[in-house]
mmCIF file of all heavy atoms, coordinates in Angstrom:
data_MODEL
# 
_entry.id   MODEL 
# 
loop_
_atom_site.group_PDB 
_atom_site.id 
_atom_site.type_symbol 
_atom_site.label_atom_id 
_atom_site.label_alt_id 
_atom_site.label_comp_id 
_atom_site.label_asym_id 
_atom_site.label_entity_id 
_atom_site.label_seq_id 
_atom_site.pdbx_PDB_ins_code 
_atom_site.Cartn_x 
_atom_site.Cartn_y 
_atom_site.Cartn_z 
_atom_site.occupancy 
_atom_site.B_iso_or_equiv 
_atom_site.pdbx_formal_charge 
_atom_site.auth_seq_id 
_atom_site.auth_comp_id 
_atom_site.auth_asym_id 
_atom_site.auth_atom_id 
_atom_site.pdbx_PDB_model_num 
ATOM 1   N N   . PRO A 1 1  ? 0.826  -1.222  0.005   1.00 0.00 ? 1  PRO A N   1 
ATOM 2   C CA  . PRO A 1 1  ? -0.003 -0.010  -0.001  1.00 0.00 ? 1  PRO A CA  1 
ATOM 3   C C   . PRO A 1 1  ? 0.849  1.265   0.007   1.00 0.00 ? 1  PRO A C   1 
ATOM 4   O O   . PRO A 1 1  ? 2.001  1.310   0.468   1.00 0.00 ? 1  PRO A O   1 
ATOM 5   C CB  . PRO A 1 1  ? -0.805 -0.129  1.295   1.00 0.00 ? 1  PRO A CB  1 
ATOM 6   C CG  . PRO A 1 1  ? -0.721 -1.526  1.659   1.00 0.00 ? 1  PRO A CG  1 
ATOM 7   C CD  . PRO A 1 1  ? 0.580  -2.069  1.195   1.00 0.00 ? 1  PRO A CD  1 
ATOM 8   N N   . ASP A 1 2  ? 0.269  2.340   -0.503  1.00 0.00 ? 2  ASP A N   1 
ATOM 9   C CA  . ASP A 1 2  ? 0.991  3.627   -0.560  1.00 0.00 ? 2  ASP A CA  1 
ATOM 10  C C   . ASP A 1 2  ? 1.418  4.039   0.813   1.00 0.00 ? 2  ASP A C   1 
ATOM 11  O O   . ASP A 1 2  ? 2.545  4.574   0.993   1.00 0.00 ? 2  ASP A O   1 
ATOM 12  C CB  . ASP A 1 2  ? 0.035  4.719   -1.152  1.00 0.00 ? 2  ASP A CB  1 
ATOM 13  C CG  . ASP A 1 2  ? -0.168 4.546   -2.636  1.00 0.00 ? 2  ASP A CG  1 
ATOM 14  O OD1 . ASP A 1 2  ? 0.395  3.587   -3.219  1.00 0.00 ? 2  ASP A OD1 1 
ATOM 15  O OD2 . ASP A 1 2  ? -0.879 5.396   -3.220  1.00 0.00 ? 2  ASP A OD2 1 
ATOM 16  N N   . GLU A 1 3  ? 0.595  3.845   1.809   1.00 0.00 ? 3  GLU A N   1 
ATOM 17  C CA  . GLU A 1 3  ? 0.987  4.307   3.171   1.00 0.00 ? 3  GLU A CA  1 
ATOM 18  C C   . GLU A 1 3  ? 2.185  3.583   3.734   1.00 0.00 ? 3  GLU A C   1 
ATOM 19  O O   . GLU A 1 3  ? 2.955  4.147   4.512   1.00 0.00 ? 3  GLU A O   1 
ATOM 20  C CB  . GLU A 1 3  ? -0.211 4.191   4.148   1.00 0.00 ? 3  GLU A CB  1 
ATOM 21  C CG  . GLU A 1 3  ? -0.834 2.817   4.260   1.00 0.00 ? 3  GLU A CG  1 
ATOM 22  C CD  . GLU A 1 3  ? -1.967 2.565   3.334   1.00 0.00 ? 3  GLU A CD  1 
ATOM 23  O OE1 . GLU A 1 3  ? -2.038 3.249   2.285   1.00 0.00 ? 3  GLU A OE1 1 
ATOM 24  O OE2 . GLU A 1 3  ? -2.844 1.687   3.634   1.00 0.00 ? 3  GLU A OE2 1 
ATOM 25  N N   . VAL A 1 4  ? 2.364  2.318   3.304   1.00 0.00 ? 4  VAL A N   1 
ATOM 26  C CA  . VAL A 1 4  ? 3.588  1.612   3.742   1.00 0.00 ? 4  VAL A CA  1 
ATOM 27  C C   . VAL A 1 4  ? 4.783  2.213   3.060   1.00 0.00 ? 4  VAL A C   1 
ATOM 28  O O   . VAL A 1 4  ? 5.857  2.357   3.653   1.00 0.00 ? 4  VAL A O   1 
ATOM 29  C CB  . VAL A 1 4  ? 3.415  0.095   3.430   1.00 0.00 ? 4  VAL A CB  1 
ATOM 30  C CG1 . VAL A 1 4  ? 4.741  -0.604  3.688   1.00 0.00 ? 4  VAL A CG1 1 
ATOM 31  C CG2 . VAL A 1 4  ? 2.325  -0.529  4.297   1.00 0.00 ? 4  VAL A CG2 1 
ATOM 32  N N   . ILE A 1 5  ? 4.660  2.500   1.776   1.00 0.00 ? 5  ILE A N   1 
ATOM 33  C CA  . ILE A 1 5  ? 5.810  3.142   1.019   1.00 0.00 ? 5  ILE A CA  1 
ATOM 34  C C   . ILE A 1 5  ? 6.114  4.466   1.673   1.00 0.00 ? 5  ILE A C   1 
ATOM 35  O O   . ILE A 1 5  ? 7.303  4.832   1.789   1.00 0.00 ? 5  ILE A O   1 
ATOM 36  C CB  . ILE A 1 5  ? 5.464  3.290   -0.457  1.00 0.00 ? 5  ILE A CB  1 
ATOM 37  C CG1 . ILE A 1 5  ? 5.180  1.871   -1.033  1.00 0.00 ? 5  ILE A CG1 1 
ATOM 38  C CG2 . ILE A 1 5  ? 6.596  3.923   -1.188  1.00 0.00 ? 5  ILE A CG2 1 
ATOM 39  C CD1 . ILE A 1 5  ? 4.759  1.908   -2.502  1.00 0.00 ? 5  ILE A CD1 1 
ATOM 40  N N   . GLU A 1 6  ? 5.132  5.222   2.046   1.00 0.00 ? 6  GLU A N   1 
ATOM 41  C CA  . GLU A 1 6  ? 5.371  6.501   2.720   1.00 0.00 ? 6  GLU A CA  1 
ATOM 42  C C   . GLU A 1 6  ? 6.154  6.282   4.055   1.00 0.00 ? 6  GLU A C   1 
ATOM 43  O O   . GLU A 1 6  ? 7.023  7.074   4.346   1.00 0.00 ? 6  GLU A O   1 
ATOM 44  C CB  . GLU A 1 6  ? 4.027  7.230   2.966   1.00 0.00 ? 6  GLU A CB  1 
ATOM 45  C CG  . GLU A 1 6  ? 3.375  7.681   1.691   1.00 0.00 ? 6  GLU A CG  1 
ATOM 46  C CD  . GLU A 1 6  ? 1.945  8.124   1.904   1.00 0.00 ? 6  GLU A CD  1 
ATOM 47  O OE1 . GLU A 1 6  ? 1.468  8.003   3.067   1.00 0.00 ? 6  GLU A OE1 1 
ATOM 48  O OE2 . GLU A 1 6  ? 1.276  8.572   0.967   1.00 0.00 ? 6  GLU A OE2 1 
ATOM 49  N N   . ARG A 1 7  ? 5.762  5.260   4.817   1.00 0.00 ? 7  ARG A N   1 
ATOM 50  C CA  . ARG A 1 7  ? 6.456  4.981   6.038   1.00 0.00 ? 7  ARG A CA  1 
ATOM 51  C C   . ARG A 1 7  ? 7.913  4.567   5.771   1.00 0.00 ? 7  ARG A C   1 
ATOM 52  O O   . ARG A 1 7  ? 8.833  5.017   6.539   1.00 0.00 ? 7  ARG A O   1 
ATOM 53  C CB  . ARG A 1 7  ? 5.721  3.862   6.798   1.00 0.00 ? 7  ARG A CB  1 
ATOM 54  C CG  . ARG A 1 7  ? 6.298  3.596   8.196   1.00 0.00 ? 7  ARG A CG  1 
ATOM 55  C CD  . ARG A 1 7  ? 5.299  2.776   9.024   1.00 0.00 ? 7  ARG A CD  1 
ATOM 56  N NE  . ARG A 1 7  ? 5.095  1.427   8.526   1.00 0.00 ? 7  ARG A NE  1 
ATOM 57  C CZ  . ARG A 1 7  ? 5.811  0.358   8.979   1.00 0.00 ? 7  ARG A CZ  1 
ATOM 58  N NH1 . ARG A 1 7  ? 6.774  0.539   9.872   1.00 0.00 ? 7  ARG A NH1 1 
ATOM 59  N NH2 . ARG A 1 7  ? 5.582  -0.823  8.460   1.00 0.00 ? 7  ARG A NH2 1 
ATOM 60  N N   . LEU A 1 8  ? 8.132  3.826   4.754   1.00 0.00 ? 8  LEU A N   1 
ATOM 61  C CA  . LEU A 1 8  ? 9.514  3.429   4.422   1.00 0.00 ? 8  LEU A CA  1 
ATOM 62  C C   . LEU A 1 8  ? 10.364 4.602   3.979   1.00 0.00 ? 8  LEU A C   1 
ATOM 63  O O   . LEU A 1 8  ? 11.511 4.696   4.318   1.00 0.00 ? 8  LEU A O   1 
ATOM 64  C CB  . LEU A 1 8  ? 9.466  2.344   3.338   1.00 0.00 ? 8  LEU A CB  1 
ATOM 65  C CG  . LEU A 1 8  ? 8.873  1.003   3.760   1.00 0.00 ? 8  LEU A CG  1 
ATOM 66  C CD1 . LEU A 1 8  ? 8.738  0.080   2.519   1.00 0.00 ? 8  LEU A CD1 1 
ATOM 67  C CD2 . LEU A 1 8  ? 9.741  0.332   4.775   1.00 0.00 ? 8  LEU A CD2 1 
ATOM 68  N N   . ALA A 1 9  ? 9.720  5.508   3.236   1.00 0.00 ? 9  ALA A N   1 
ATOM 69  C CA  . ALA A 1 9  ? 10.413 6.712   2.799   1.00 0.00 ? 9  ALA A CA  1 
ATOM 70  C C   . ALA A 1 9  ? 10.820 7.525   3.993   1.00 0.00 ? 9  ALA A C   1 
ATOM 71  O O   . ALA A 1 9  ? 11.959 8.062   4.043   1.00 0.00 ? 9  ALA A O   1 
ATOM 72  C CB  . ALA A 1 9  ? 9.549  7.542   1.845   1.00 0.00 ? 9  ALA A CB  1 
ATOM 73  N N   . ALA A 1 10 ? 9.971  7.642   5.018   1.00 0.00 ? 10 ALA A N   1 
ATOM 74  C CA  . ALA A 1 10 ? 10.314 8.387   6.220   1.00 0.00 ? 10 ALA A CA  1 
ATOM 75  C C   . ALA A 1 10 ? 11.431 7.755   6.989   1.00 0.00 ? 10 ALA A C   1 
ATOM 76  O O   . ALA A 1 10 ? 12.186 8.431   7.713   1.00 0.00 ? 10 ALA A O   1 
ATOM 77  C CB  . ALA A 1 10 ? 9.084  8.515   7.095   1.00 0.00 ? 10 ALA A CB  1 
ATOM 78  N N   . ALA A 1 11 ? 11.591 6.415   6.812   1.00 0.00 ? 11 ALA A N   1 
ATOM 79  C CA  . ALA A 1 11 ? 12.647 5.657   7.521   1.00 0.00 ? 11 ALA A CA  1 
ATOM 80  C C   . ALA A 1 11 ? 13.981 5.663   6.802   1.00 0.00 ? 11 ALA A C   1 
ATOM 81  O O   . ALA A 1 11 ? 14.992 5.170   7.327   1.00 0.00 ? 11 ALA A O   1 
ATOM 82  C CB  . ALA A 1 11 ? 12.181 4.221   7.729   1.00 0.00 ? 11 ALA A CB  1 
ATOM 83  N N   . GLY A 1 12 ? 14.023 6.198   5.557   1.00 0.00 ? 12 GLY A N   1 
ATOM 84  C CA  . GLY A 1 12 ? 15.287 6.300   4.858   1.00 0.00 ? 12 GLY A CA  1 
ATOM 85  C C   . GLY A 1 12 ? 15.354 5.588   3.576   1.00 0.00 ? 12 GLY A C   1 
ATOM 86  O O   . GLY A 1 12 ? 16.451 5.423   2.975   1.00 0.00 ? 12 GLY A O   1 
ATOM 87  N N   . LEU A 1 13 ? 14.212 5.088   3.062   1.00 0.00 ? 13 LEU A N   1 
ATOM 88  C CA  . LEU A 1 13 ? 14.182 4.394   1.750   1.00 0.00 ? 13 LEU A CA  1 
ATOM 89  C C   . LEU A 1 13 ? 14.709 5.353   0.706   1.00 0.00 ? 13 LEU A C   1 
ATOM 90  O O   . LEU A 1 13 ? 14.346 6.492   0.642   1.00 0.00 ? 13 LEU A O   1 
ATOM 91  C CB  . LEU A 1 13 ? 12.756 3.971   1.426   1.00 0.00 ? 13 LEU A CB  1 
ATOM 92  C CG  . LEU A 1 13 ? 12.511 3.168   0.152   1.00 0.00 ? 13 LEU A CG  1 
ATOM 93  C CD1 . LEU A 1 13 ? 13.077 1.786   0.336   1.00 0.00 ? 13 LEU A CD1 1 
ATOM 94  C CD2 . LEU A 1 13 ? 11.051 3.124   -0.194  1.00 0.00 ? 13 LEU A CD2 1 
ATOM 95  N N   . THR A 1 14 ? 15.542 4.813   -0.192  1.00 0.00 ? 14 THR A N   1 
ATOM 96  C CA  . THR A 1 14 ? 16.139 5.649   -1.265  1.00 0.00 ? 14 THR A CA  1 
ATOM 97  C C   . THR A 1 14 ? 15.324 5.619   -2.545  1.00 0.00 ? 14 THR A C   1 
ATOM 98  O O   . THR A 1 14 ? 15.233 6.611   -3.268  1.00 0.00 ? 14 THR A O   1 
ATOM 99  C CB  . THR A 1 14 ? 17.571 5.165   -1.583  1.00 0.00 ? 14 THR A CB  1 
ATOM 100 O OG1 . THR A 1 14 ? 18.323 5.139   -0.389  1.00 0.00 ? 14 THR A OG1 1 
ATOM 101 C CG2 . THR A 1 14 ? 18.221 6.096   -2.593  1.00 0.00 ? 14 THR A CG2 1 
ATOM 102 N N   . GLY A 1 15 ? 14.710 4.423   -2.843  1.00 0.00 ? 15 GLY A N   1 
ATOM 103 C CA  . GLY A 1 15 ? 13.989 4.373   -4.097  1.00 0.00 ? 15 GLY A CA  1 
ATOM 104 C C   . GLY A 1 15 ? 12.943 3.299   -4.148  1.00 0.00 ? 15 GLY A C   1 
ATOM 105 O O   . GLY A 1 15 ? 12.761 2.563   -3.142  1.00 0.00 ? 15 GLY A O   1 
ATOM 106 N N   . VAL A 1 16 ? 12.242 3.206   -5.281  1.00 0.00 ? 16 VAL A N   1 
ATOM 107 C CA  . VAL A 1 16 ? 11.204 2.212   -5.483  1.00 0.00 ? 16 VAL A CA  1 
ATOM 108 C C   . VAL A 1 16 ? 11.332 1.634   -6.910  1.00 0.00 ? 16 VAL A C   1 
ATOM 109 O O   . VAL A 1 16 ? 11.604 2.364   -7.840  1.00 0.00 ? 16 VAL A O   1 
ATOM 110 C CB  . VAL A 1 16 ? 9.788  2.797   -5.250  1.00 0.00 ? 16 VAL A CB  1 
ATOM 111 C CG1 . VAL A 1 16 ? 9.519  3.944   -6.146  1.00 0.00 ? 16 VAL A CG1 1 
ATOM 112 C CG2 . VAL A 1 16 ? 8.732  1.681   -5.350  1.00 0.00 ? 16 VAL A CG2 1 
ATOM 113 N N   . GLU A 1 17 ? 11.178 0.331   -6.985  1.00 0.00 ? 17 GLU A N   1 
ATOM 114 C CA  . GLU A 1 17 ? 11.297 -0.327  -8.303  1.00 0.00 ? 17 GLU A CA  1 
ATOM 115 C C   . GLU A 1 17 ? 9.925  -0.145  -9.023  1.00 0.00 ? 17 GLU A C   1 
ATOM 116 O O   . GLU A 1 17 ? 8.966  -0.772  -8.727  1.00 0.00 ? 17 GLU A O   1 
ATOM 117 C CB  . GLU A 1 17 ? 11.571 -1.835  -8.071  1.00 0.00 ? 17 GLU A CB  1 
ATOM 118 C CG  . GLU A 1 17 ? 12.083 -2.590  -9.257  1.00 0.00 ? 17 GLU A CG  1 
ATOM 119 C CD  . GLU A 1 17 ? 12.481 -4.010  -8.912  1.00 0.00 ? 17 GLU A CD  1 
ATOM 120 O OE1 . GLU A 1 17 ? 11.674 -4.752  -8.292  1.00 0.00 ? 17 GLU A OE1 1 
ATOM 121 O OE2 . GLU A 1 17 ? 13.626 -4.383  -9.239  1.00 0.00 ? 17 GLU A OE2 1 
ATOM 122 N N   . VAL A 1 18 ? 9.997  0.739   -9.981  1.00 0.00 ? 18 VAL A N   1 
ATOM 123 C CA  . VAL A 1 18 ? 8.781  1.109   -10.727 1.00 0.00 ? 18 VAL A CA  1 
ATOM 124 C C   . VAL A 1 18 ? 8.541  0.219   -11.940 1.00 0.00 ? 18 VAL A C   1 
ATOM 125 O O   . VAL A 1 18 ? 7.504  -0.346  -12.167 1.00 0.00 ? 18 VAL A O   1 
ATOM 126 C CB  . VAL A 1 18 ? 8.815  2.599   -11.141 1.00 0.00 ? 18 VAL A CB  1 
ATOM 127 C CG1 . VAL A 1 18 ? 7.627  2.924   -12.087 1.00 0.00 ? 18 VAL A CG1 1 
ATOM 128 C CG2 . VAL A 1 18 ? 8.756  3.507   -9.886  1.00 0.00 ? 18 VAL A CG2 1 
ATOM 129 N N   . ASP A 1 19 ? 9.598  0.112   -12.738 1.00 0.00 ? 19 ASP A N   1 
ATOM 130 C CA  . ASP A 1 19 ? 9.564  -0.687  -13.981 1.00 0.00 ? 19 ASP A CA  1 
ATOM 131 C C   . ASP A 1 19 ? 10.007 -2.134  -13.725 1.00 0.00 ? 19 ASP A C   1 
ATOM 132 O O   . ASP A 1 19 ? 11.226 -2.366  -13.544 1.00 0.00 ? 19 ASP A O   1 
ATOM 133 C CB  . ASP A 1 19 ? 10.383 -0.005  -15.071 1.00 0.00 ? 19 ASP A CB  1 
ATOM 134 C CG  . ASP A 1 19 ? 9.810  1.314   -15.471 1.00 0.00 ? 19 ASP A CG  1 
ATOM 135 O OD1 . ASP A 1 19 ? 8.560  1.387   -15.650 1.00 0.00 ? 19 ASP A OD1 1 
ATOM 136 O OD2 . ASP A 1 19 ? 10.575 2.315   -15.587 1.00 0.00 ? 19 ASP A OD2 1 
ATOM 137 N N   . HIS A 1 20 ? 9.112  -3.009  -13.722 1.00 0.00 ? 20 HIS A N   1 
ATOM 138 C CA  . HIS A 1 20 ? 9.383  -4.428  -13.447 1.00 0.00 ? 20 HIS A CA  1 
ATOM 139 C C   . HIS A 1 20 ? 8.497  -5.286  -14.328 1.00 0.00 ? 20 HIS A C   1 
ATOM 140 O O   . HIS A 1 20 ? 7.338  -4.858  -14.632 1.00 0.00 ? 20 HIS A O   1 
ATOM 141 C CB  . HIS A 1 20 ? 9.054  -4.741  -11.955 1.00 0.00 ? 20 HIS A CB  1 
ATOM 142 C CG  . HIS A 1 20 ? 9.331  -6.129  -11.510 1.00 0.00 ? 20 HIS A CG  1 
ATOM 143 N ND1 . HIS A 1 20 ? 8.508  -7.211  -11.768 1.00 0.00 ? 20 HIS A ND1 1 
ATOM 144 C CD2 . HIS A 1 20 ? 10.404 -6.631  -10.812 1.00 0.00 ? 20 HIS A CD2 1 
ATOM 145 C CE1 . HIS A 1 20 ? 9.042  -8.272  -11.259 1.00 0.00 ? 20 HIS A CE1 1 
ATOM 146 N NE2 . HIS A 1 20 ? 10.172 -7.955  -10.679 1.00 0.00 ? 20 HIS A NE2 1 
ATOM 147 N N   . PRO A 1 21 ? 8.912  -6.407  -14.820 1.00 0.00 ? 21 PRO A N   1 
ATOM 148 C CA  . PRO A 1 21 ? 8.103  -7.221  -15.764 1.00 0.00 ? 21 PRO A CA  1 
ATOM 149 C C   . PRO A 1 21 ? 6.736  -7.561  -15.226 1.00 0.00 ? 21 PRO A C   1 
ATOM 150 O O   . PRO A 1 21 ? 5.813  -7.796  -16.035 1.00 0.00 ? 21 PRO A O   1 
ATOM 151 C CB  . PRO A 1 21 ? 8.968  -8.496  -15.979 1.00 0.00 ? 21 PRO A CB  1 
ATOM 152 C CG  . PRO A 1 21 ? 10.357 -8.020  -15.767 1.00 0.00 ? 21 PRO A CG  1 
ATOM 153 C CD  . PRO A 1 21 ? 10.277 -6.971  -14.661 1.00 0.00 ? 21 PRO A CD  1 
ATOM 154 N N   . ASP A 1 22 ? 6.564  -7.628  -13.929 1.00 0.00 ? 22 ASP A N   1 
ATOM 155 C CA  . ASP A 1 22 ? 5.253  -8.008  -13.352 1.00 0.00 ? 22 ASP A CA  1 
ATOM 156 C C   . ASP A 1 22 ? 4.355  -6.823  -12.969 1.00 0.00 ? 22 ASP A C   1 
ATOM 157 O O   . ASP A 1 22 ? 3.354  -6.994  -12.317 1.00 0.00 ? 22 ASP A O   1 
ATOM 158 C CB  . ASP A 1 22 ? 5.492  -8.873  -12.112 1.00 0.00 ? 22 ASP A CB  1 
ATOM 159 C CG  . ASP A 1 22 ? 6.102  -10.244 -12.459 1.00 0.00 ? 22 ASP A CG  1 
ATOM 160 O OD1 . ASP A 1 22 ? 6.009  -10.638 -13.632 1.00 0.00 ? 22 ASP A OD1 1 
ATOM 161 O OD2 . ASP A 1 22 ? 6.569  -10.902 -11.553 1.00 0.00 ? 22 ASP A OD2 1 
ATOM 162 N N   . HIS A 1 23 ? 4.785  -5.637  -13.372 1.00 0.00 ? 23 HIS A N   1 
ATOM 163 C CA  . HIS A 1 23 ? 4.021  -4.425  -13.075 1.00 0.00 ? 23 HIS A CA  1 
ATOM 164 C C   . HIS A 1 23 ? 3.169  -4.007  -14.285 1.00 0.00 ? 23 HIS A C   1 
ATOM 165 O O   . HIS A 1 23 ? 3.732  -3.844  -15.388 1.00 0.00 ? 23 HIS A O   1 
ATOM 166 C CB  . HIS A 1 23 ? 4.920  -3.254  -12.652 1.00 0.00 ? 23 HIS A CB  1 
ATOM 167 C CG  . HIS A 1 23 ? 5.425  -3.304  -11.288 1.00 0.00 ? 23 HIS A CG  1 
ATOM 168 N ND1 . HIS A 1 23 ? 6.308  -2.370  -10.791 1.00 0.00 ? 23 HIS A ND1 1 
ATOM 169 C CD2 . HIS A 1 23 ? 5.206  -4.179  -10.285 1.00 0.00 ? 23 HIS A CD2 1 
ATOM 170 C CE1 . HIS A 1 23 ? 6.623  -2.690  -9.511  1.00 0.00 ? 23 HIS A CE1 1 
ATOM 171 N NE2 . HIS A 1 23 ? 5.926  -3.777  -9.189  1.00 0.00 ? 23 HIS A NE2 1 
ATOM 172 N N   . ALA A 1 24 ? 1.916  -3.856  -14.090 1.00 0.00 ? 24 ALA A N   1 
ATOM 173 C CA  . ALA A 1 24 ? 1.007  -3.352  -15.149 1.00 0.00 ? 24 ALA A CA  1 
ATOM 174 C C   . ALA A 1 24 ? 1.258  -1.877  -15.422 1.00 0.00 ? 24 ALA A C   1 
ATOM 175 O O   . ALA A 1 24 ? 1.743  -1.135  -14.540 1.00 0.00 ? 24 ALA A O   1 
ATOM 176 C CB  . ALA A 1 24 ? -0.429 -3.599  -14.762 1.00 0.00 ? 24 ALA A CB  1 
ATOM 177 N N   . PRO A 1 25 ? 0.937  -1.400  -16.616 1.00 0.00 ? 25 PRO A N   1 
ATOM 178 C CA  . PRO A 1 25 ? 1.198  0.026   -16.962 1.00 0.00 ? 25 PRO A CA  1 
ATOM 179 C C   . PRO A 1 25 ? 0.575  0.968   -15.965 1.00 0.00 ? 25 PRO A C   1 
ATOM 180 O O   . PRO A 1 25 ? 1.220  1.973   -15.587 1.00 0.00 ? 25 PRO A O   1 
ATOM 181 C CB  . PRO A 1 25 ? 0.572  0.140   -18.379 1.00 0.00 ? 25 PRO A CB  1 
ATOM 182 C CG  . PRO A 1 25 ? 0.708  -1.241  -18.951 1.00 0.00 ? 25 PRO A CG  1 
ATOM 183 C CD  . PRO A 1 25 ? 0.437  -2.158  -17.803 1.00 0.00 ? 25 PRO A CD  1 
# 
């Protein structure tokens, strides 16, 4: 969920894997 990504960003996450073969457009 978006809120988990937000929490990880606050903890120091540098990036997110956006383009992946299993991700829909």
